[in-house]
N, C-alpha and C. Protein backbone atom coordinates (compact mmCIF):
# COMPACT_ATOMS: atom_id res chain seq x y z
N UNK A 1 -16.37 -4.17 -17.06
CA UNK A 1 -15.45 -5.25 -17.37
C UNK A 1 -15.81 -6.54 -16.63
N UNK A 2 -16.52 -6.43 -15.52
CA UNK A 2 -16.87 -7.60 -14.73
C UNK A 2 -18.14 -8.24 -15.28
N UNK A 3 -17.97 -9.19 -16.15
CA UNK A 3 -19.11 -9.84 -16.81
C UNK A 3 -19.81 -10.85 -15.90
N UNK A 4 -19.11 -11.33 -14.85
CA UNK A 4 -19.67 -12.37 -14.01
C UNK A 4 -20.22 -11.86 -12.69
N UNK A 5 -20.08 -10.56 -12.41
CA UNK A 5 -20.61 -10.01 -11.17
C UNK A 5 -19.89 -10.48 -9.92
N UNK A 6 -18.57 -10.61 -10.02
CA UNK A 6 -17.81 -11.11 -8.87
C UNK A 6 -16.76 -10.11 -8.37
N UNK A 7 -16.64 -8.97 -9.04
CA UNK A 7 -15.62 -8.00 -8.67
C UNK A 7 -16.22 -6.91 -7.80
N UNK A 8 -15.50 -6.56 -6.74
CA UNK A 8 -15.86 -5.43 -5.89
C UNK A 8 -14.79 -4.37 -6.05
N UNK A 9 -15.22 -3.11 -6.13
CA UNK A 9 -14.30 -1.99 -6.19
C UNK A 9 -14.47 -1.21 -4.89
N UNK A 10 -13.40 -1.13 -4.09
CA UNK A 10 -13.48 -0.46 -2.80
C UNK A 10 -12.46 0.67 -2.74
N UNK A 11 -12.88 1.78 -2.17
CA UNK A 11 -12.01 2.94 -1.99
C UNK A 11 -12.26 3.54 -0.61
N UNK A 12 -11.29 4.29 -0.15
CA UNK A 12 -11.40 4.92 1.16
C UNK A 12 -10.90 6.35 1.07
N UNK A 13 -11.56 7.22 1.79
CA UNK A 13 -11.07 8.59 1.89
C UNK A 13 -9.82 8.67 2.76
N UNK A 14 -9.51 7.60 3.49
CA UNK A 14 -8.30 7.58 4.29
C UNK A 14 -7.06 7.75 3.42
N UNK A 15 -7.13 7.27 2.20
CA UNK A 15 -5.96 7.34 1.32
C UNK A 15 -5.90 8.65 0.52
N UNK A 16 -7.04 9.25 0.26
CA UNK A 16 -7.03 10.44 -0.60
C UNK A 16 -7.35 11.73 0.15
N UNK A 17 -7.84 11.64 1.37
CA UNK A 17 -8.19 12.84 2.12
C UNK A 17 -7.32 12.97 3.36
N UNK A 18 -7.44 12.02 4.27
CA UNK A 18 -6.64 12.05 5.49
C UNK A 18 -6.64 10.67 6.13
N UNK A 19 -5.47 10.23 6.63
CA UNK A 19 -5.42 8.94 7.31
C UNK A 19 -6.40 8.93 8.48
N UNK A 20 -7.04 7.81 8.68
CA UNK A 20 -7.97 7.69 9.80
C UNK A 20 -9.36 8.22 9.54
N UNK A 21 -9.63 8.70 8.32
CA UNK A 21 -10.96 9.24 8.02
C UNK A 21 -12.03 8.17 8.20
N UNK A 22 -11.73 6.95 7.84
CA UNK A 22 -12.61 5.80 8.01
C UNK A 22 -13.97 5.97 7.34
N UNK A 23 -13.97 6.63 6.20
CA UNK A 23 -15.16 6.71 5.36
C UNK A 23 -14.76 6.13 4.02
N UNK A 24 -15.56 5.18 3.55
CA UNK A 24 -15.20 4.47 2.32
C UNK A 24 -16.44 4.16 1.52
N UNK A 25 -16.23 3.58 0.33
CA UNK A 25 -17.35 3.15 -0.49
C UNK A 25 -16.95 1.90 -1.26
N UNK A 26 -17.98 1.16 -1.64
CA UNK A 26 -17.78 -0.07 -2.40
C UNK A 26 -18.77 -0.07 -3.56
N UNK A 27 -18.30 -0.51 -4.72
CA UNK A 27 -19.15 -0.68 -5.89
C UNK A 27 -19.13 -2.15 -6.25
N UNK A 28 -20.30 -2.73 -6.43
CA UNK A 28 -20.37 -4.14 -6.78
C UNK A 28 -21.80 -4.61 -6.91
N UNK A 29 -21.98 -5.90 -7.10
CA UNK A 29 -23.32 -6.46 -7.23
C UNK A 29 -24.18 -6.17 -5.98
N UNK A 30 -25.44 -5.80 -6.21
CA UNK A 30 -26.32 -5.39 -5.11
C UNK A 30 -26.44 -6.44 -4.02
N UNK A 31 -26.55 -7.72 -4.38
CA UNK A 31 -26.73 -8.74 -3.36
C UNK A 31 -25.50 -8.85 -2.45
N UNK A 32 -24.32 -8.67 -3.01
CA UNK A 32 -23.10 -8.71 -2.20
C UNK A 32 -23.03 -7.47 -1.31
N UNK A 33 -23.34 -6.30 -1.88
CA UNK A 33 -23.32 -5.06 -1.10
C UNK A 33 -24.30 -5.16 0.07
N UNK A 34 -25.49 -5.69 -0.16
CA UNK A 34 -26.48 -5.86 0.92
C UNK A 34 -25.91 -6.71 2.05
N UNK A 35 -25.25 -7.80 1.69
CA UNK A 35 -24.65 -8.67 2.70
C UNK A 35 -23.52 -7.95 3.45
N UNK A 36 -22.76 -7.16 2.73
CA UNK A 36 -21.68 -6.40 3.37
C UNK A 36 -22.26 -5.39 4.37
N UNK A 37 -23.35 -4.75 4.01
CA UNK A 37 -24.00 -3.79 4.90
C UNK A 37 -24.46 -4.50 6.17
N UNK A 38 -25.04 -5.68 6.03
CA UNK A 38 -25.50 -6.44 7.19
C UNK A 38 -24.33 -6.81 8.11
N UNK A 39 -23.22 -7.24 7.53
CA UNK A 39 -22.04 -7.58 8.32
C UNK A 39 -21.52 -6.34 9.04
N UNK A 40 -21.46 -5.23 8.33
CA UNK A 40 -20.97 -3.98 8.93
C UNK A 40 -21.87 -3.55 10.08
N UNK A 41 -23.17 -3.59 9.87
CA UNK A 41 -24.11 -3.20 10.92
C UNK A 41 -23.98 -4.11 12.13
N UNK A 42 -23.69 -5.36 11.89
CA UNK A 42 -23.52 -6.29 12.99
C UNK A 42 -22.22 -6.08 13.76
N UNK A 43 -21.25 -5.45 13.13
CA UNK A 43 -19.97 -5.26 13.79
C UNK A 43 -19.84 -3.90 14.47
N UNK A 44 -20.35 -2.84 13.84
CA UNK A 44 -20.19 -1.51 14.47
C UNK A 44 -21.35 -0.55 14.18
N UNK A 45 -22.47 -1.06 13.76
CA UNK A 45 -23.67 -0.29 13.44
C UNK A 45 -23.49 0.59 12.20
N UNK A 46 -22.58 1.56 12.25
CA UNK A 46 -22.34 2.38 11.05
C UNK A 46 -21.07 3.20 11.24
N UNK A 47 -20.58 3.69 10.13
CA UNK A 47 -19.44 4.60 10.17
C UNK A 47 -19.88 5.88 10.86
N UNK A 48 -18.97 6.52 11.53
CA UNK A 48 -19.27 7.76 12.24
C UNK A 48 -20.06 8.73 11.36
N UNK A 49 -21.20 9.15 11.85
CA UNK A 49 -22.03 10.10 11.10
C UNK A 49 -21.30 11.43 10.97
N UNK A 50 -20.56 11.81 12.00
CA UNK A 50 -19.80 13.06 11.95
C UNK A 50 -18.75 12.98 10.85
N UNK A 51 -18.01 11.87 10.80
CA UNK A 51 -16.99 11.71 9.76
C UNK A 51 -17.63 11.73 8.37
N UNK A 52 -18.75 11.04 8.20
CA UNK A 52 -19.45 11.03 6.92
C UNK A 52 -19.88 12.45 6.53
N UNK A 53 -20.42 13.19 7.48
CA UNK A 53 -20.89 14.55 7.20
C UNK A 53 -19.73 15.46 6.82
N UNK A 54 -18.60 15.32 7.51
CA UNK A 54 -17.43 16.14 7.18
C UNK A 54 -16.91 15.85 5.78
N UNK A 55 -16.82 14.56 5.44
CA UNK A 55 -16.36 14.18 4.10
C UNK A 55 -17.33 14.68 3.04
N UNK A 56 -18.62 14.50 3.29
CA UNK A 56 -19.64 14.97 2.35
C UNK A 56 -19.51 16.48 2.12
N UNK A 57 -19.41 17.23 3.19
CA UNK A 57 -19.33 18.70 3.07
C UNK A 57 -18.05 19.12 2.35
N UNK A 58 -16.95 18.48 2.67
CA UNK A 58 -15.67 18.76 2.03
C UNK A 58 -15.79 18.57 0.51
N UNK A 59 -16.39 17.45 0.12
CA UNK A 59 -16.57 17.15 -1.30
C UNK A 59 -17.60 18.08 -1.94
N UNK A 60 -18.70 18.32 -1.25
CA UNK A 60 -19.76 19.17 -1.78
C UNK A 60 -19.25 20.58 -2.07
N UNK A 61 -18.37 21.07 -1.22
CA UNK A 61 -17.82 22.41 -1.41
C UNK A 61 -16.71 22.46 -2.47
N UNK A 62 -16.38 21.31 -3.03
CA UNK A 62 -15.39 21.25 -4.11
C UNK A 62 -13.95 21.22 -3.65
N UNK A 63 -13.71 21.04 -2.37
CA UNK A 63 -12.33 21.05 -1.88
C UNK A 63 -11.53 19.83 -2.34
N UNK A 64 -12.19 18.70 -2.48
CA UNK A 64 -11.48 17.49 -2.89
C UNK A 64 -10.88 17.67 -4.29
N UNK A 65 -11.61 18.31 -5.19
CA UNK A 65 -11.11 18.51 -6.55
C UNK A 65 -9.82 19.32 -6.57
N UNK A 66 -9.69 20.28 -5.68
CA UNK A 66 -8.47 21.07 -5.61
C UNK A 66 -7.34 20.38 -4.87
N UNK A 67 -7.72 19.48 -3.96
CA UNK A 67 -6.74 18.79 -3.13
C UNK A 67 -6.09 17.61 -3.85
N UNK A 68 -6.86 16.90 -4.67
CA UNK A 68 -6.34 15.69 -5.31
C UNK A 68 -5.05 15.91 -6.10
N UNK A 69 -4.96 16.95 -6.95
CA UNK A 69 -3.69 17.13 -7.67
C UNK A 69 -2.50 17.32 -6.73
N UNK A 70 -2.71 17.97 -5.60
CA UNK A 70 -1.62 18.18 -4.64
C UNK A 70 -1.19 16.87 -3.99
N UNK A 71 -2.16 16.08 -3.57
CA UNK A 71 -1.83 14.83 -2.90
C UNK A 71 -1.21 13.83 -3.88
N UNK A 72 -1.70 13.84 -5.12
CA UNK A 72 -1.12 12.96 -6.14
C UNK A 72 0.34 13.34 -6.40
N UNK A 73 0.62 14.63 -6.49
CA UNK A 73 1.98 15.09 -6.71
C UNK A 73 2.88 14.72 -5.52
N UNK A 74 2.34 14.89 -4.33
CA UNK A 74 3.08 14.57 -3.10
C UNK A 74 3.50 13.10 -3.09
N UNK A 75 2.54 12.21 -3.34
CA UNK A 75 2.85 10.78 -3.31
C UNK A 75 3.66 10.34 -4.51
N UNK A 76 3.49 10.98 -5.66
CA UNK A 76 4.31 10.65 -6.84
C UNK A 76 5.78 10.94 -6.54
N UNK A 77 6.04 12.06 -5.87
CA UNK A 77 7.41 12.42 -5.51
C UNK A 77 8.01 11.36 -4.57
N UNK A 78 7.21 10.93 -3.59
CA UNK A 78 7.69 9.91 -2.66
C UNK A 78 7.93 8.57 -3.37
N UNK A 79 6.99 8.20 -4.24
CA UNK A 79 7.15 6.96 -5.01
C UNK A 79 8.42 7.01 -5.85
N UNK A 80 8.63 8.12 -6.53
CA UNK A 80 9.80 8.25 -7.38
C UNK A 80 11.10 8.22 -6.58
N UNK A 81 11.05 8.76 -5.35
CA UNK A 81 12.22 8.72 -4.47
C UNK A 81 12.57 7.30 -4.08
N UNK A 82 11.54 6.49 -3.79
CA UNK A 82 11.81 5.10 -3.44
C UNK A 82 12.32 4.32 -4.66
N UNK A 83 11.75 4.60 -5.83
CA UNK A 83 12.21 3.94 -7.05
C UNK A 83 13.67 4.25 -7.31
N UNK A 84 14.04 5.50 -7.14
CA UNK A 84 15.43 5.92 -7.34
C UNK A 84 16.35 5.19 -6.35
N UNK A 85 15.92 5.10 -5.10
CA UNK A 85 16.73 4.43 -4.08
C UNK A 85 16.89 2.94 -4.42
N UNK A 86 15.83 2.30 -4.85
CA UNK A 86 15.93 0.89 -5.23
C UNK A 86 16.87 0.72 -6.41
N UNK A 87 16.71 1.58 -7.40
CA UNK A 87 17.54 1.49 -8.61
C UNK A 87 19.02 1.63 -8.26
N UNK A 88 19.33 2.54 -7.33
CA UNK A 88 20.72 2.82 -6.99
C UNK A 88 21.33 1.86 -5.98
N UNK A 89 20.49 1.26 -5.13
CA UNK A 89 21.04 0.50 -4.00
C UNK A 89 20.82 -1.00 -4.03
N UNK A 90 19.72 -1.46 -4.57
CA UNK A 90 19.42 -2.89 -4.49
C UNK A 90 20.13 -3.67 -5.58
N UNK A 91 20.35 -4.96 -5.34
CA UNK A 91 21.01 -5.80 -6.35
C UNK A 91 20.26 -5.76 -7.68
N UNK A 92 21.01 -5.90 -8.76
CA UNK A 92 20.42 -5.84 -10.11
C UNK A 92 19.33 -6.86 -10.34
N UNK A 93 19.41 -7.99 -9.69
CA UNK A 93 18.42 -9.04 -9.91
C UNK A 93 17.06 -8.73 -9.26
N UNK A 94 17.01 -7.69 -8.45
CA UNK A 94 15.74 -7.30 -7.82
C UNK A 94 14.77 -6.83 -8.90
N UNK A 95 13.55 -7.35 -8.82
CA UNK A 95 12.52 -6.99 -9.81
C UNK A 95 11.41 -6.20 -9.12
N UNK A 96 10.94 -5.16 -9.78
CA UNK A 96 9.80 -4.39 -9.30
C UNK A 96 9.27 -3.53 -10.44
N UNK A 97 8.04 -3.13 -10.31
CA UNK A 97 7.43 -2.20 -11.27
C UNK A 97 7.11 -0.92 -10.50
N UNK A 98 7.17 0.19 -11.19
CA UNK A 98 6.79 1.46 -10.58
C UNK A 98 5.27 1.46 -10.41
N UNK A 99 4.78 1.58 -9.17
CA UNK A 99 3.32 1.55 -8.96
C UNK A 99 2.62 2.69 -9.68
N UNK A 100 1.52 2.38 -10.33
CA UNK A 100 0.72 3.39 -11.01
C UNK A 100 -0.45 3.84 -10.13
N UNK A 101 -0.57 3.22 -8.97
CA UNK A 101 -1.59 3.56 -7.98
C UNK A 101 -1.22 2.86 -6.69
N UNK A 102 -1.85 3.25 -5.62
CA UNK A 102 -1.54 2.65 -4.33
C UNK A 102 -0.28 3.22 -3.73
N UNK A 103 0.12 2.65 -2.61
CA UNK A 103 1.24 3.18 -1.83
C UNK A 103 2.37 2.19 -1.64
N UNK A 104 2.39 1.14 -2.45
CA UNK A 104 3.34 0.06 -2.18
C UNK A 104 4.12 -0.36 -3.43
N UNK A 105 5.36 -0.74 -3.20
CA UNK A 105 6.17 -1.43 -4.20
C UNK A 105 6.13 -2.91 -3.86
N UNK A 106 6.02 -3.72 -4.89
CA UNK A 106 6.19 -5.16 -4.76
C UNK A 106 7.57 -5.49 -5.29
N UNK A 107 8.41 -6.02 -4.43
CA UNK A 107 9.74 -6.44 -4.85
C UNK A 107 9.75 -7.94 -5.02
N UNK A 108 10.42 -8.39 -6.04
CA UNK A 108 10.71 -9.83 -6.17
C UNK A 108 12.21 -9.96 -6.09
N UNK A 109 12.65 -10.79 -5.15
CA UNK A 109 14.06 -11.01 -4.92
C UNK A 109 14.37 -12.47 -5.22
N UNK A 110 14.65 -12.78 -6.50
CA UNK A 110 14.86 -14.18 -6.90
C UNK A 110 15.92 -14.88 -6.05
N UNK A 111 15.54 -16.07 -5.57
CA UNK A 111 16.47 -16.87 -4.79
C UNK A 111 16.59 -16.48 -3.33
N UNK A 112 15.79 -15.50 -2.89
CA UNK A 112 15.87 -15.04 -1.51
C UNK A 112 14.54 -15.30 -0.81
N UNK A 113 14.60 -15.95 0.33
CA UNK A 113 13.42 -16.16 1.16
C UNK A 113 13.21 -14.88 1.96
N UNK A 114 12.15 -14.15 1.67
CA UNK A 114 11.96 -12.84 2.31
C UNK A 114 11.63 -12.95 3.80
N UNK A 115 11.17 -14.12 4.23
CA UNK A 115 10.95 -14.29 5.68
C UNK A 115 12.31 -14.26 6.39
N UNK A 116 13.27 -14.96 5.83
CA UNK A 116 14.63 -14.97 6.37
C UNK A 116 15.24 -13.57 6.25
N UNK A 117 15.02 -12.92 5.10
CA UNK A 117 15.55 -11.57 4.89
C UNK A 117 14.94 -10.57 5.87
N UNK A 118 13.66 -10.75 6.19
CA UNK A 118 12.98 -9.82 7.08
C UNK A 118 13.76 -9.65 8.39
N UNK A 119 14.18 -10.76 8.99
CA UNK A 119 14.89 -10.69 10.27
C UNK A 119 16.24 -10.00 10.13
N UNK A 120 16.91 -10.27 9.04
CA UNK A 120 18.19 -9.57 8.79
C UNK A 120 17.94 -8.07 8.59
N UNK A 121 16.88 -7.74 7.88
CA UNK A 121 16.55 -6.33 7.62
C UNK A 121 16.21 -5.61 8.92
N UNK A 122 15.41 -6.25 9.78
CA UNK A 122 15.05 -5.64 11.06
C UNK A 122 16.31 -5.39 11.89
N UNK A 123 17.25 -6.33 11.86
CA UNK A 123 18.52 -6.13 12.56
C UNK A 123 19.25 -4.90 12.03
N UNK A 124 19.01 -4.57 10.76
CA UNK A 124 19.64 -3.41 10.12
C UNK A 124 18.78 -2.14 10.25
N UNK A 125 17.61 -2.27 10.90
CA UNK A 125 16.77 -1.09 11.16
C UNK A 125 15.81 -0.73 10.04
N UNK A 126 15.44 -1.71 9.23
CA UNK A 126 14.47 -1.47 8.15
C UNK A 126 13.53 -2.67 8.09
N UNK A 127 12.29 -2.42 7.65
CA UNK A 127 11.32 -3.52 7.62
C UNK A 127 10.46 -3.44 6.36
N UNK A 128 9.80 -4.54 6.09
CA UNK A 128 8.87 -4.65 4.96
C UNK A 128 7.87 -5.73 5.33
N UNK A 129 6.88 -5.94 4.51
CA UNK A 129 5.93 -7.02 4.74
C UNK A 129 6.32 -8.17 3.82
N UNK A 130 6.47 -9.35 4.40
CA UNK A 130 6.88 -10.50 3.60
C UNK A 130 5.75 -10.90 2.65
N UNK A 131 6.14 -11.39 1.49
CA UNK A 131 5.18 -11.75 0.46
C UNK A 131 4.23 -12.87 0.84
N UNK A 132 4.68 -13.81 1.66
CA UNK A 132 3.83 -14.93 2.06
C UNK A 132 2.51 -14.47 2.65
N UNK A 133 2.51 -13.30 3.29
CA UNK A 133 1.29 -12.77 3.91
C UNK A 133 0.19 -12.54 2.89
N UNK A 134 0.54 -12.42 1.62
CA UNK A 134 -0.43 -12.11 0.57
C UNK A 134 -0.72 -13.30 -0.34
N UNK A 135 -0.21 -14.46 0.02
CA UNK A 135 -0.41 -15.67 -0.77
C UNK A 135 -1.06 -16.73 0.11
N UNK A 136 -2.36 -16.64 0.34
CA UNK A 136 -3.02 -17.58 1.25
C UNK A 136 -2.92 -19.03 0.80
N UNK A 137 -2.71 -19.26 -0.48
CA UNK A 137 -2.58 -20.63 -0.99
C UNK A 137 -1.15 -21.13 -0.97
N UNK A 138 -0.27 -20.36 -0.38
CA UNK A 138 1.15 -20.72 -0.34
C UNK A 138 1.94 -19.97 -1.39
N UNK A 139 3.22 -19.88 -1.19
CA UNK A 139 4.10 -19.18 -2.12
C UNK A 139 4.38 -17.76 -1.65
N UNK A 140 4.93 -16.97 -2.56
CA UNK A 140 5.23 -15.58 -2.25
C UNK A 140 6.51 -15.38 -1.47
N UNK A 141 7.29 -16.45 -1.30
CA UNK A 141 8.46 -16.35 -0.44
C UNK A 141 9.59 -15.50 -1.02
N UNK A 142 9.52 -15.15 -2.30
CA UNK A 142 10.54 -14.28 -2.89
C UNK A 142 10.06 -12.83 -3.00
N UNK A 143 8.89 -12.54 -2.44
CA UNK A 143 8.30 -11.21 -2.59
C UNK A 143 8.30 -10.43 -1.29
N UNK A 144 8.35 -9.10 -1.43
CA UNK A 144 8.28 -8.19 -0.29
C UNK A 144 7.47 -6.97 -0.71
N UNK A 145 6.72 -6.43 0.22
CA UNK A 145 5.95 -5.21 -0.04
C UNK A 145 6.51 -4.09 0.81
N UNK A 146 6.81 -2.99 0.16
CA UNK A 146 7.34 -1.81 0.86
C UNK A 146 6.40 -0.63 0.63
N UNK A 147 6.32 0.22 1.63
CA UNK A 147 5.43 1.38 1.58
C UNK A 147 6.25 2.65 1.46
N UNK A 148 5.82 3.55 0.60
CA UNK A 148 6.57 4.79 0.40
C UNK A 148 5.87 6.03 0.94
N UNK A 149 4.77 5.90 1.64
CA UNK A 149 3.97 7.08 2.00
C UNK A 149 4.57 7.96 3.08
N UNK A 150 5.25 7.37 4.05
CA UNK A 150 5.73 8.17 5.17
C UNK A 150 7.18 8.59 5.07
N UNK A 151 7.97 7.79 4.41
CA UNK A 151 9.41 8.04 4.36
C UNK A 151 9.77 9.19 3.43
N UNK A 152 10.77 9.95 3.83
CA UNK A 152 11.31 11.01 2.97
C UNK A 152 12.21 10.35 1.92
N UNK A 153 12.65 11.13 0.95
CA UNK A 153 13.55 10.61 -0.07
C UNK A 153 14.86 10.12 0.57
N UNK A 154 15.35 10.87 1.54
CA UNK A 154 16.57 10.49 2.24
C UNK A 154 16.36 9.19 3.02
N UNK A 155 15.21 9.07 3.69
CA UNK A 155 14.91 7.84 4.43
C UNK A 155 14.75 6.64 3.49
N UNK A 156 14.17 6.86 2.32
CA UNK A 156 14.05 5.78 1.33
C UNK A 156 15.42 5.31 0.90
N UNK A 157 16.32 6.25 0.66
CA UNK A 157 17.67 5.88 0.25
C UNK A 157 18.37 5.10 1.36
N UNK A 158 18.24 5.57 2.58
CA UNK A 158 18.87 4.87 3.71
C UNK A 158 18.25 3.48 3.89
N UNK A 159 16.94 3.39 3.76
CA UNK A 159 16.26 2.10 3.88
C UNK A 159 16.70 1.12 2.81
N UNK A 160 16.84 1.61 1.58
CA UNK A 160 17.29 0.75 0.48
C UNK A 160 18.73 0.27 0.72
N UNK A 161 19.57 1.16 1.24
CA UNK A 161 20.95 0.77 1.55
C UNK A 161 20.96 -0.32 2.62
N UNK A 162 20.13 -0.15 3.64
CA UNK A 162 20.08 -1.14 4.73
C UNK A 162 19.51 -2.47 4.23
N UNK A 163 18.52 -2.39 3.35
CA UNK A 163 17.96 -3.62 2.79
C UNK A 163 19.02 -4.34 1.96
N UNK A 164 19.78 -3.58 1.19
CA UNK A 164 20.87 -4.19 0.41
C UNK A 164 21.90 -4.85 1.31
N UNK A 165 22.22 -4.21 2.44
CA UNK A 165 23.15 -4.81 3.39
C UNK A 165 22.57 -6.11 3.98
N UNK A 166 21.27 -6.09 4.27
CA UNK A 166 20.61 -7.30 4.81
C UNK A 166 20.65 -8.43 3.78
N UNK A 167 20.46 -8.09 2.52
CA UNK A 167 20.57 -9.11 1.46
C UNK A 167 22.00 -9.67 1.45
N UNK A 168 22.96 -8.77 1.59
CA UNK A 168 24.36 -9.21 1.67
C UNK A 168 24.62 -10.10 2.88
N UNK A 169 23.94 -9.81 3.99
CA UNK A 169 24.09 -10.64 5.20
C UNK A 169 23.66 -12.08 4.96
N UNK A 170 22.74 -12.27 4.00
CA UNK A 170 22.30 -13.62 3.66
C UNK A 170 23.32 -14.35 2.79
N UNK A 171 24.30 -13.59 2.30
CA UNK A 171 25.31 -14.17 1.42
C UNK A 171 24.80 -14.39 0.01
N UNK A 172 23.83 -13.57 -0.40
CA UNK A 172 23.23 -13.75 -1.74
C UNK A 172 23.45 -12.53 -2.59
């Protein structure tokens, strides 16, 4: 699909095998990959050979193929729990799509500055990443990113309730 040779596809075993694995791969134009290798070598020489060997052996023995359906089911359940909590607890004007990949929901809260909301939410014992962090050219002030990987369904519900209270604290 990349007709201009400007797209990089990056993945990590940290997300599909185990957190902290620190073994990843990138697909893209050779000249860009070569430059990335040079930068990596200049920063830390190489990824742990032990970690690479363990990941290679795990995959070679076919364990990843059996593990992926389990981990996908695990995270799908968590994602669906957060979606349910948002649907039941957050104001109707809140916009979000059910993620089809990744570990995050993007919320759009029309008329709400999420930087201001963040402090109210922290006071209520819940946090998110403000949208501005992802808009280097400015904007994103109505957006928030939430992660569903660690929280249980009960914690997601409690977090959504607290976020709704924080929104109420803003008077919106």
